[in-house]
């Protein structure tokens, strides 16, 4: 399983940033290659976060921390 981890920053406070794992069952078919070039699914996911901007993302292989889906 490919995990997509994004760094989101608040639009109202640009230095207020945090990481979030965005891999869900909707993104389960993401390949490492598509993740590295900017999985189009990230744009769809970002539409649910209008108060934040995508500062960065990374792709890792493995289960989310704690062994549960995010």
Protein backbone atom coordinates (compact mmCIF):
# COMPACT_ATOMS: atom_id res chain seq x y z
CA UNK A 1 0.00 0.00 0.00
CA UNK A 2 1.23 3.48 -0.87
CA UNK A 3 0.74 6.11 1.82
CA UNK A 4 0.39 9.73 0.77
CA UNK A 5 1.43 12.18 3.45
CA UNK A 6 0.71 15.86 2.81
CA UNK A 7 1.86 19.02 4.52
CA UNK A 8 -1.03 21.45 4.82
CA UNK A 9 -0.68 25.10 5.80
CA UNK A 10 -3.47 27.36 6.95
CA UNK A 11 -4.36 30.13 4.49
CA UNK A 12 -5.02 32.49 7.38
CA UNK A 13 -1.73 31.67 9.12
CA UNK A 14 0.81 30.43 6.56
CA UNK A 15 3.31 29.30 9.19
CA UNK A 16 0.69 27.06 10.82
CA UNK A 17 1.42 23.78 9.01
CA UNK A 18 0.85 20.14 9.84
CA UNK A 19 1.27 16.73 8.25
CA UNK A 20 -1.68 14.51 7.50
CA UNK A 21 -1.91 11.03 6.02
CA UNK A 22 -4.46 11.19 3.20
CA UNK A 23 -4.42 7.58 2.09
CA UNK A 24 -7.94 6.18 2.31
CA UNK A 25 -9.78 3.40 0.55
CA UNK A 26 -10.55 5.98 -2.20
CA UNK A 27 -6.81 6.32 -2.81
CA UNK A 28 -5.95 2.64 -2.44
CA UNK A 29 -5.20 2.28 -6.16
CA UNK A 30 -2.47 4.96 -6.20
CA UNK A 31 0.86 3.69 -7.48
CA UNK A 32 4.22 5.00 -6.29
CA UNK A 33 4.82 6.51 -9.73
CA UNK A 34 1.50 8.40 -9.81
CA UNK A 35 2.03 9.57 -6.23
CA UNK A 36 5.47 10.95 -6.98
CA UNK A 37 4.21 12.98 -9.93
CA UNK A 38 1.29 14.38 -7.94
CA UNK A 39 -1.53 11.88 -7.75
CA UNK A 40 -4.62 13.56 -9.21
CA UNK A 41 -6.52 12.19 -6.24
CA UNK A 42 -4.72 14.73 -4.04
CA UNK A 43 -6.41 17.59 -5.90
CA UNK A 44 -9.81 16.01 -5.32
CA UNK A 45 -8.98 15.49 -1.65
CA UNK A 46 -7.81 19.12 -1.32
CA UNK A 47 -11.24 20.35 -2.44
CA UNK A 48 -12.44 19.24 1.01
CA UNK A 49 -9.89 21.56 2.68
CA UNK A 50 -10.59 25.06 1.29
CA UNK A 51 -8.91 26.84 4.22
CA UNK A 52 -5.56 25.16 3.64
CA UNK A 53 -2.94 25.01 0.94
CA UNK A 54 -0.87 22.02 -0.06
CA UNK A 55 2.73 22.86 0.83
CA UNK A 56 4.28 19.45 0.09
CA UNK A 57 3.61 15.75 -0.09
CA UNK A 58 5.56 12.55 0.10
CA UNK A 59 4.87 8.95 -0.72
CA UNK A 60 5.84 6.01 1.45
CA UNK A 61 5.29 2.29 1.27
CA UNK A 62 3.57 0.56 4.14
CA UNK A 63 0.64 0.68 6.48
CA UNK A 64 -0.26 3.87 8.37
CA UNK A 65 1.13 4.18 11.90
CA UNK A 66 -0.78 1.95 14.28
CA UNK A 67 -1.69 -0.43 11.46
CA UNK A 68 -5.04 1.25 10.75
CA UNK A 69 -6.26 3.07 7.66
CA UNK A 70 -6.45 6.84 7.81
